[in-house]
Amino acid sequence: MGALLPNKVSDFIMRHQLLSHGCKYLLALSGGADSVALLLVVKELGYDIEAIHCNFHLRGEEADRDEEFCKQFCRQQNVPLHLAHFDTRFYADTHKVSIEMAARQLRYSHFERLMTDIGAQGILVAHHQDDSVETVLLNLIRGTGLHGLKGILPINGHVIRPLLGLTRQEVEAFLKERKQAYVTDSSNLEADVVRNKIRLEVLPLLRTINPSVSDSIALTASRLSQVA
C-alpha cells in the first residue's frame, strides 16, 4: 500500500481535475492521520503546498501537543507551516453558535484570507471515503433531499479533497507502512456526538450485514451526484 496509495490518489486527482502542477495550495494540517497522510502524498506527487494548523484552544494540553507535532512534522518535511490561534468559546458566545460551528467558521474564513495572502489556488482538506459515508448517513438520519445523499464532493469552491477515493483503513495502513507518527484527537473516540456514534456504532453494525457497506453507500452517493 505504501507505494500504491500515492498512485491511487494521483489517479483520483486526475480523474476529477483537482490539482495542477505549477500552482500553490494551502493544506489544512491537524496532525491527525488523515491530514498527515494527505501532506505526505501530495508532497510526494510533486505539488507545491504550504500547511496551516489551527489551535482552537478547546482541548488544553492536547491542543498544544498537536501544534508542536505539526511544527516538527513540517520541519522534517520541509513544508512551510502557518499557525492560527482562536478564542473559539468567545466567538461561539458572541455569535450565538455552537462550538463546532464556531470552529468551522473561524477555520474557513482564515483559510480564505491566508489563501489570498500566499497566492494559493485552493485549500486541501483530508476528508476520505468514510467521512463521506458518515455524512450520507448523518443527513439521512436527520432527513434530507437528494442533495444531502450525494455525500462530500471532491471539490467545492476553493475546498479540494484529494483523499476522497481512499478509506480510513487505507490511510492508516499507509502511515503504518511508512512508520509515520500522527496525533489522535481524543474527542474522536467519544460516542456522545452523533457523527461519532455513526462511526463507532452504526457503521460497525451495518458491516455485520454487509462488510462492503461503505463502498456500497459511496457508490450510491457518487451516482446521485451525477444526476442530482
C-alpha atoms as a PDB file:
ATOM      1  CA  MET A   1       0.000   0.000   0.000  1.00  0.00           C
ATOM      2  CA  GLY A   2       2.888   2.382   0.717  1.00  0.00           C
ATOM      3  CA  ALA A   3       3.855   2.506  -2.957  1.00  0.00           C
ATOM      4  CA  LEU A   4       0.390   2.077  -4.466  1.00  0.00           C
ATOM      5  CA  LEU A   5      -1.552   4.645  -2.436  1.00  0.00           C
ATOM      6  CA  PRO A   6       0.081   7.762  -3.965  1.00  0.00           C
ATOM      7  CA  ASN A   7      -0.722   6.336  -7.421  1.00  0.00           C
ATOM      8  CA  LYS A   8      -4.342   5.797  -6.402  1.00  0.00           C
ATOM      9  CA  VAL A   9      -4.567   9.385  -5.142  1.00  0.00           C
ATOM     10  CA  SER A  10      -2.901  10.654  -8.316  1.00  0.00           C
ATOM     11  CA  ASP A  11      -5.488   8.823 -10.434  1.00  0.00           C
ATOM     12  CA  PHE A  12      -8.296  10.364  -8.352  1.00  0.00           C
ATOM     13  CA  ILE A  13      -6.776  13.845  -8.720  1.00  0.00           C
ATOM     14  CA  MET A  14      -6.507  13.429 -12.498  1.00  0.00           C
ATOM     15  CA  ARG A  15      -9.983  11.935 -12.888  1.00  0.00           C
ATOM     16  CA  HIS A  16     -11.626  14.845 -11.069  1.00  0.00           C
ATOM     17  CA  GLN A  17      -9.150  17.500 -12.296  1.00  0.00           C
ATOM     18  CA  LEU A  18      -8.445  18.626  -8.732  1.00  0.00           C
ATOM     19  CA  LEU A  19      -4.864  19.937  -8.819  1.00  0.00           C
ATOM     20  CA  SER A  20      -2.340  21.398 -11.245  1.00  0.00           C
ATOM     21  CA  HIS A  21       1.439  21.366 -11.049  1.00  0.00           C
ATOM     22  CA  GLY A  22       2.778  24.910 -11.026  1.00  0.00           C
ATOM     23  CA  CYS A  23       0.005  26.105  -8.698  1.00  0.00           C
ATOM     24  CA  LYS A  24       0.332  26.549  -4.942  1.00  0.00           C
ATOM     25  CA  TYR A  25      -2.136  25.016  -2.470  1.00  0.00           C
ATOM     26  CA  LEU A  26      -2.862  25.547   1.217  1.00  0.00           C
ATOM     27  CA  LEU A  27      -3.137  22.281   3.165  1.00  0.00           C
ATOM     28  CA  ALA A  28      -5.144  22.060   6.396  1.00  0.00           C
ATOM     29  CA  LEU A  29      -2.990  20.088   8.852  1.00  0.00           C
ATOM     30  CA  SER A  30      -4.473  18.949  12.164  1.00  0.00           C
ATOM     31  CA  GLY A  31      -1.716  16.434  12.894  1.00  0.00           C
ATOM     32  CA  GLY A  32      -4.185  13.555  12.702  1.00  0.00           C
ATOM     33  CA  ALA A  33      -3.748  10.504  10.474  1.00  0.00           C
ATOM     34  CA  ASP A  34      -5.729  11.846   7.526  1.00  0.00           C
ATOM     35  CA  SER A  35      -4.052  15.243   7.165  1.00  0.00           C
ATOM     36  CA  VAL A  36      -0.584  13.778   7.793  1.00  0.00           C
ATOM     37  CA  ALA A  37      -1.176  11.241   5.008  1.00  0.00           C
ATOM     38  CA  LEU A  38      -2.505  13.993   2.744  1.00  0.00           C
ATOM     39  CA  LEU A  39       0.629  16.082   3.200  1.00  0.00           C
ATOM     40  CA  LEU A  40       2.948  13.123   2.575  1.00  0.00           C
ATOM     41  CA  VAL A  41       1.124  12.015  -0.563  1.00  0.00           C
ATOM     42  CA  VAL A  42       0.592  15.441  -2.136  1.00  0.00           C
ATOM     43  CA  LYS A  43       4.222  16.373  -1.474  1.00  0.00           C
ATOM     44  CA  GLU A  44       5.393  13.051  -2.932  1.00  0.00           C
ATOM     45  CA  LEU A  45       3.320  13.745  -6.055  1.00  0.00           C
ATOM     46  CA  GLY A  46       5.232  16.987  -6.515  1.00  0.00           C
ATOM     47  CA  TYR A  47       2.578  19.596  -5.752  1.00  0.00           C
ATOM     48  CA  ASP A  48       3.533  22.955  -4.207  1.00  0.00           C
ATOM     49  CA  ILE A  49       1.982  23.196  -0.728  1.00  0.00           C
ATOM     50  CA  GLU A  50       2.069  25.263   2.430  1.00  0.00           C
ATOM     51  CA  ALA A  51       0.380  23.962   5.582  1.00  0.00           C
ATOM     52  CA  ILE A  52      -1.915  25.684   8.075  1.00  0.00           C
ATOM     53  CA  HIS A  53      -2.563  24.409  11.608  1.00  0.00           C
ATOM     54  CA  CYS A  54      -5.371  25.863  13.725  1.00  0.00           C
ATOM     55  CA  ASN A  55      -5.302  25.837  17.533  1.00  0.00           C
ATOM     56  CA  PHE A  56      -8.842  26.421  18.785  1.00  0.00           C
ATOM     57  CA  HIS A  57      -7.800  26.285  22.454  1.00  0.00           C
ATOM     58  CA  LEU A  58     -10.549  23.802  23.307  1.00  0.00           C
ATOM     59  CA  ARG A  59      -8.516  20.780  24.452  1.00  0.00           C
ATOM     60  CA  GLY A  60      -5.849  22.249  26.713  1.00  0.00           C
ATOM     61  CA  GLU A  61      -2.506  20.454  26.631  1.00  0.00           C
ATOM     62  CA  GLU A  62      -3.700  18.099  23.892  1.00  0.00           C
ATOM     63  CA  ALA A  63      -4.191  21.043  21.502  1.00  0.00           C
ATOM     64  CA  ASP A  64      -0.714  22.344  22.332  1.00  0.00           C
ATOM     65  CA  ARG A  65       0.689  18.852  21.724  1.00  0.00           C
ATOM     66  CA  ASP A  66      -0.942  18.793  18.283  1.00  0.00           C
ATOM     67  CA  GLU A  67       0.558  22.173  17.396  1.00  0.00           C
ATOM     68  CA  GLU A  68       4.038  21.083  18.443  1.00  0.00           C
ATOM     69  CA  PHE A  69       3.705  17.873  16.429  1.00  0.00           C
ATOM     70  CA  CYS A  70       2.736  19.850  13.315  1.00  0.00           C
ATOM     71  CA  LYS A  71       5.735  22.150  13.758  1.00  0.00           C
ATOM     72  CA  GLN A  72       8.138  19.207  13.948  1.00  0.00           C
ATOM     73  CA  PHE A  73       6.452  17.294  11.120  1.00  0.00           C
ATOM     74  CA  CYS A  74       6.519  20.242   8.701  1.00  0.00           C
ATOM     75  CA  ARG A  75      10.118  20.961   9.642  1.00  0.00           C
ATOM     76  CA  GLN A  76      11.021  17.352   8.784  1.00  0.00           C
ATOM     77  CA  GLN A  77       9.109  17.534   5.506  1.00  0.00           C
ATOM     78  CA  ASN A  78      10.468  20.987   4.621  1.00  0.00           C
ATOM     79  CA  VAL A  79       6.945  22.355   4.189  1.00  0.00           C
ATOM     80  CA  PRO A  80       6.149  25.954   5.271  1.00  0.00           C
ATOM     81  CA  LEU A  81       3.704  25.996   8.195  1.00  0.00           C
ATOM     82  CA  HIS A  82       1.306  28.775   9.196  1.00  0.00           C
ATOM     83  CA  LEU A  83      -0.212  28.780  12.697  1.00  0.00           C
ATOM     84  CA  ALA A  84      -3.552  30.268  13.721  1.00  0.00           C
ATOM     85  CA  HIS A  85      -4.881  30.674  17.269  1.00  0.00           C
ATOM     86  CA  PHE A  86      -8.564  31.246  18.016  1.00  0.00           C
ATOM     87  CA  ASP A  87     -10.633  32.046  21.103  1.00  0.00           C
ATOM     88  CA  THR A  88     -13.335  29.680  19.922  1.00  0.00           C
ATOM     89  CA  ARG A  89     -15.550  29.790  23.015  1.00  0.00           C
ATOM     90  CA  PHE A  90     -15.662  33.595  22.948  1.00  0.00           C
ATOM     91  CA  TYR A  91     -16.568  33.555  19.245  1.00  0.00           C
ATOM     92  CA  ALA A  92     -19.312  30.976  19.850  1.00  0.00           C
ATOM     93  CA  ASP A  93     -20.805  33.019  22.705  1.00  0.00           C
ATOM     94  CA  THR A  94     -20.599  36.287  20.779  1.00  0.00           C
ATOM     95  CA  HIS A  95     -22.143  34.915  17.578  1.00  0.00           C
ATOM     96  CA  LYS A  96     -24.612  32.587  19.338  1.00  0.00           C
ATOM     97  CA  VAL A  97     -23.425  29.472  17.509  1.00  0.00           C
ATOM     98  CA  SER A  98     -22.251  26.043  18.653  1.00  0.00           C
ATOM     99  CA  ILE A  99     -18.599  25.388  19.414  1.00  0.00           C
ATOM    100  CA  GLU A 100     -18.416  23.125  16.360  1.00  0.00           C
ATOM    101  CA  MET A 101     -19.898  25.813  14.097  1.00  0.00           C
ATOM    102  CA  ALA A 102     -17.646  28.481  15.607  1.00  0.00           C
ATOM    103  CA  ALA A 103     -14.547  26.397  14.887  1.00  0.00           C
ATOM    104  CA  ARG A 104     -15.704  25.795  11.325  1.00  0.00           C
ATOM    105  CA  GLN A 105     -16.434  29.470  10.646  1.00  0.00           C
ATOM    106  CA  LEU A 106     -13.147  30.610  12.175  1.00  0.00           C
ATOM    107  CA  ARG A 107     -11.185  27.968  10.314  1.00  0.00           C
ATOM    108  CA  TYR A 108     -12.567  28.531   6.836  1.00  0.00           C
ATOM    109  CA  SER A 109     -12.621  32.330   6.997  1.00  0.00           C
ATOM    110  CA  HIS A 110      -8.946  32.226   7.996  1.00  0.00           C
ATOM    111  CA  PHE A 111      -8.187  29.716   5.237  1.00  0.00           C
ATOM    112  CA  GLU A 112      -9.686  32.044   2.628  1.00  0.00           C
ATOM    113  CA  ARG A 113      -7.670  35.038   3.842  1.00  0.00           C
ATOM    114  CA  LEU A 114      -4.422  33.090   4.033  1.00  0.00           C
ATOM    115  CA  MET A 115      -5.016  31.507   0.647  1.00  0.00           C
ATOM    116  CA  THR A 116      -5.208  35.005  -0.860  1.00  0.00           C
ATOM    117  CA  ASP A 117      -2.136  36.192   1.069  1.00  0.00           C
ATOM    118  CA  ILE A 118       0.131  33.387  -0.184  1.00  0.00           C
ATOM    119  CA  GLY A 119      -1.336  33.161  -3.681  1.00  0.00           C
ATOM    120  CA  ALA A 120      -2.775  29.668  -3.264  1.00  0.00           C
ATOM    121  CA  GLN A 121      -5.306  28.273  -5.735  1.00  0.00           C
ATOM    122  CA  GLY A 122      -7.201  26.100  -3.268  1.00  0.00           C
ATOM    123  CA  ILE A 123      -7.455  24.622   0.204  1.00  0.00           C
ATOM    124  CA  LEU A 124      -6.642  20.920   0.574  1.00  0.00           C
ATOM    125  CA  VAL A 125      -8.541  19.063   3.291  1.00  0.00           C
ATOM    126  CA  ALA A 126      -8.197  15.408   4.226  1.00  0.00           C
ATOM    127  CA  HIS A 127     -11.724  14.010   4.027  1.00  0.00           C
ATOM    128  CA  HIS A 128     -11.778  10.399   2.817  1.00  0.00           C
ATOM    129  CA  GLN A 129     -14.465   7.946   1.720  1.00  0.00           C
ATOM    130  CA  ASP A 130     -15.521   7.038   5.257  1.00  0.00           C
ATOM    131  CA  ASP A 131     -16.143  10.717   6.060  1.00  0.00           C
ATOM    132  CA  SER A 132     -18.415  10.948   3.028  1.00  0.00           C
ATOM    133  CA  VAL A 133     -20.290   7.778   4.010  1.00  0.00           C
ATOM    134  CA  GLU A 134     -20.787   9.137   7.540  1.00  0.00           C
ATOM    135  CA  THR A 135     -22.129  12.378   6.058  1.00  0.00           C
ATOM    136  CA  VAL A 136     -24.639  10.489   3.900  1.00  0.00           C
ATOM    137  CA  LEU A 137     -25.899   8.509   6.913  1.00  0.00           C
ATOM    138  CA  LEU A 138     -25.997  11.630   9.097  1.00  0.00           C
ATOM    139  CA  ASN A 139     -28.070  13.509   6.508  1.00  0.00           C
ATOM    140  CA  LEU A 140     -30.343  10.503   6.018  1.00  0.00           C
ATOM    141  CA  ILE A 141     -30.996  10.254   9.763  1.00  0.00           C
ATOM    142  CA  ARG A 142     -31.769  13.975  10.024  1.00  0.00           C
ATOM    143  CA  GLY A 143     -33.889  13.976   6.880  1.00  0.00           C
ATOM    144  CA  THR A 144     -32.615  15.208   3.544  1.00  0.00           C
ATOM    145  CA  GLY A 145     -33.293  15.506  -0.157  1.00  0.00           C
ATOM    146  CA  LEU A 146     -31.185  14.057  -2.947  1.00  0.00           C
ATOM    147  CA  HIS A 147     -28.540  16.758  -2.473  1.00  0.00           C
ATOM    148  CA  GLY A 148     -27.804  15.535   1.066  1.00  0.00           C
ATOM    149  CA  LEU A 149     -27.343  11.971  -0.162  1.00  0.00           C
ATOM    150  CA  LYS A 150     -24.513  12.932  -2.527  1.00  0.00           C
ATOM    151  CA  GLY A 151     -22.033  12.892   0.328  1.00  0.00           C
ATOM    152  CA  ILE A 152     -18.891  15.026   0.290  1.00  0.00           C
ATOM    153  CA  LEU A 153     -17.819  16.336  -3.116  1.00  0.00           C
ATOM    154  CA  PRO A 154     -14.192  16.107  -4.346  1.00  0.00           C
ATOM    155  CA  ILE A 155     -14.180  19.863  -4.950  1.00  0.00           C
ATOM    156  CA  ASN A 156     -16.494  22.549  -3.595  1.00  0.00           C
ATOM    157  CA  GLY A 157     -15.473  26.125  -4.292  1.00  0.00           C
ATOM    158  CA  HIS A 158     -11.886  26.513  -3.109  1.00  0.00           C
ATOM    159  CA  VAL A 159     -12.023  23.362  -0.951  1.00  0.00           C
ATOM    160  CA  ILE A 160     -10.355  20.330  -2.535  1.00  0.00           C
ATOM    161  CA  ARG A 161     -10.369  16.752  -1.194  1.00  0.00           C
ATOM    162  CA  PRO A 162      -7.693  14.570  -2.848  1.00  0.00           C
ATOM    163  CA  LEU A 163      -8.155  11.616  -0.445  1.00  0.00           C
ATOM    164  CA  LEU A 164     -11.872  11.114  -1.066  1.00  0.00           C
ATOM    165  CA  GLY A 165     -11.196   7.922  -3.008  1.00  0.00           C
ATOM    166  CA  LEU A 166      -9.497   6.275  -0.006  1.00  0.00           C
ATOM    167  CA  THR A 167     -10.911   4.521   3.037  1.00  0.00           C
ATOM    168  CA  ARG A 168      -9.808   5.262   6.597  1.00  0.00           C
ATOM    169  CA  GLN A 169      -8.248   1.783   6.707  1.00  0.00           C
ATOM    170  CA  GLU A 170      -6.138   2.526   3.615  1.00  0.00           C
ATOM    171  CA  VAL A 171      -4.902   5.796   5.117  1.00  0.00           C
ATOM    172  CA  GLU A 172      -3.907   4.166   8.397  1.00  0.00           C
ATOM    173  CA  ALA A 173      -2.234   1.215   6.629  1.00  0.00           C
ATOM    174  CA  PHE A 174      -0.207   3.669   4.515  1.00  0.00           C
ATOM    175  CA  LEU A 175       1.041   5.521   7.596  1.00  0.00           C
ATOM    176  CA  LYS A 176       1.847   2.268   9.381  1.00  0.00           C
ATOM    177  CA  GLU A 177       3.886   1.037   6.425  1.00  0.00           C
ATOM    178  CA  ARG A 178       5.719   4.370   6.256  1.00  0.00           C
ATOM    179  CA  LYS A 179       6.255   4.252  10.044  1.00  0.00           C
ATOM    180  CA  GLN A 180       4.847   7.777  10.192  1.00  0.00           C
ATOM    181  CA  ALA A 181       3.557   9.026  13.540  1.00  0.00           C
ATOM    182  CA  TYR A 182       0.442  11.170  13.955  1.00  0.00           C
ATOM    183  CA  VAL A 183      -1.679  12.504  16.800  1.00  0.00           C
ATOM    184  CA  THR A 184      -5.125  11.355  17.914  1.00  0.00           C
ATOM    185  CA  ASP A 185      -7.878  13.755  18.927  1.00  0.00           C
ATOM    186  CA  SER A 186      -9.466  12.106  21.980  1.00  0.00           C
ATOM    187  CA  SER A 187     -12.850  13.665  21.139  1.00  0.00           C
ATOM    188  CA  ASN A 188     -12.984  11.477  18.003  1.00  0.00           C
ATOM    189  CA  LEU A 189     -13.114   8.413  20.257  1.00  0.00           C
ATOM    190  CA  GLU A 190     -16.142   9.600  22.220  1.00  0.00           C
ATOM    191  CA  ALA A 191     -19.514   8.167  21.221  1.00  0.00           C
ATOM    192  CA  ASP A 192     -21.631  11.057  22.542  1.00  0.00           C
ATOM    193  CA  VAL A 193     -21.524  13.046  19.288  1.00  0.00           C
ATOM    194  CA  VAL A 194     -23.892  11.955  16.511  1.00  0.00           C
ATOM    195  CA  ARG A 195     -21.199  11.610  13.835  1.00  0.00           C
ATOM    196  CA  ASN A 196     -19.001   9.654  16.237  1.00  0.00           C
ATOM    197  CA  LYS A 197     -21.938   7.356  17.051  1.00  0.00           C
ATOM    198  CA  ILE A 198     -22.280   6.643  13.338  1.00  0.00           C
ATOM    199  CA  ARG A 199     -18.533   5.952  13.051  1.00  0.00           C
ATOM    200  CA  LEU A 200     -18.145   3.884  16.216  1.00  0.00           C
ATOM    201  CA  GLU A 201     -21.515   2.123  16.488  1.00  0.00           C
ATOM    202  CA  VAL A 202     -23.768   2.350  13.403  1.00  0.00           C
ATOM    203  CA  LEU A 203     -21.258   1.548  10.648  1.00  0.00           C
ATOM    204  CA  PRO A 204     -19.697  -1.412  12.514  1.00  0.00           C
ATOM    205  CA  LEU A 205     -23.218  -2.821  12.949  1.00  0.00           C
ATOM    206  CA  LEU A 206     -24.019  -2.329   9.248  1.00  0.00           C
ATOM    207  CA  ARG A 207     -20.771  -4.106   8.336  1.00  0.00           C
ATOM    208  CA  THR A 208     -22.026  -7.245  10.101  1.00  0.00           C
ATOM    209  CA  ILE A 209     -24.793  -7.265   7.462  1.00  0.00           C
ATOM    210  CA  ASN A 210     -22.635  -6.172   4.525  1.00  0.00           C
ATOM    211  CA  PRO A 211     -18.853  -5.969   5.024  1.00  0.00           C
ATOM    212  CA  SER A 212     -18.671  -3.700   1.953  1.00  0.00           C
ATOM    213  CA  VAL A 213     -21.412  -1.336   3.098  1.00  0.00           C
ATOM    214  CA  SER A 214     -19.130   1.723   2.966  1.00  0.00           C
ATOM    215  CA  ASP A 215     -18.273   1.007  -0.680  1.00  0.00           C
ATOM    216  CA  SER A 216     -21.961   0.472  -1.454  1.00  0.00           C
ATOM    217  CA  ILE A 217     -23.007   3.775   0.130  1.00  0.00           C
ATOM    218  CA  ALA A 218     -20.119   5.640  -1.519  1.00  0.00           C
ATOM    219  CA  LEU A 219     -21.060   4.225  -4.931  1.00  0.00           C
ATOM    220  CA  THR A 220     -24.701   5.229  -4.474  1.00  0.00           C
ATOM    221  CA  ALA A 221     -23.664   8.733  -3.401  1.00  0.00           C
ATOM    222  CA  SER A 222     -21.386   9.038  -6.438  1.00  0.00           C
ATOM    223  CA  ARG A 223     -24.201   8.028  -8.790  1.00  0.00           C
ATOM    224  CA  LEU A 224     -26.569  10.514  -7.157  1.00  0.00           C
ATOM    225  CA  SER A 225     -24.007  13.308  -7.532  1.00  0.00           C
ATOM    226  CA  GLN A 226     -24.134  12.747 -11.292  1.00  0.00           C
ATOM    227  CA  VAL A 227     -27.916  13.110 -11.551  1.00  0.00           C
ATOM    228  CA  ALA A 228     -28.988  15.291  -8.596  1.00  0.00           C
END
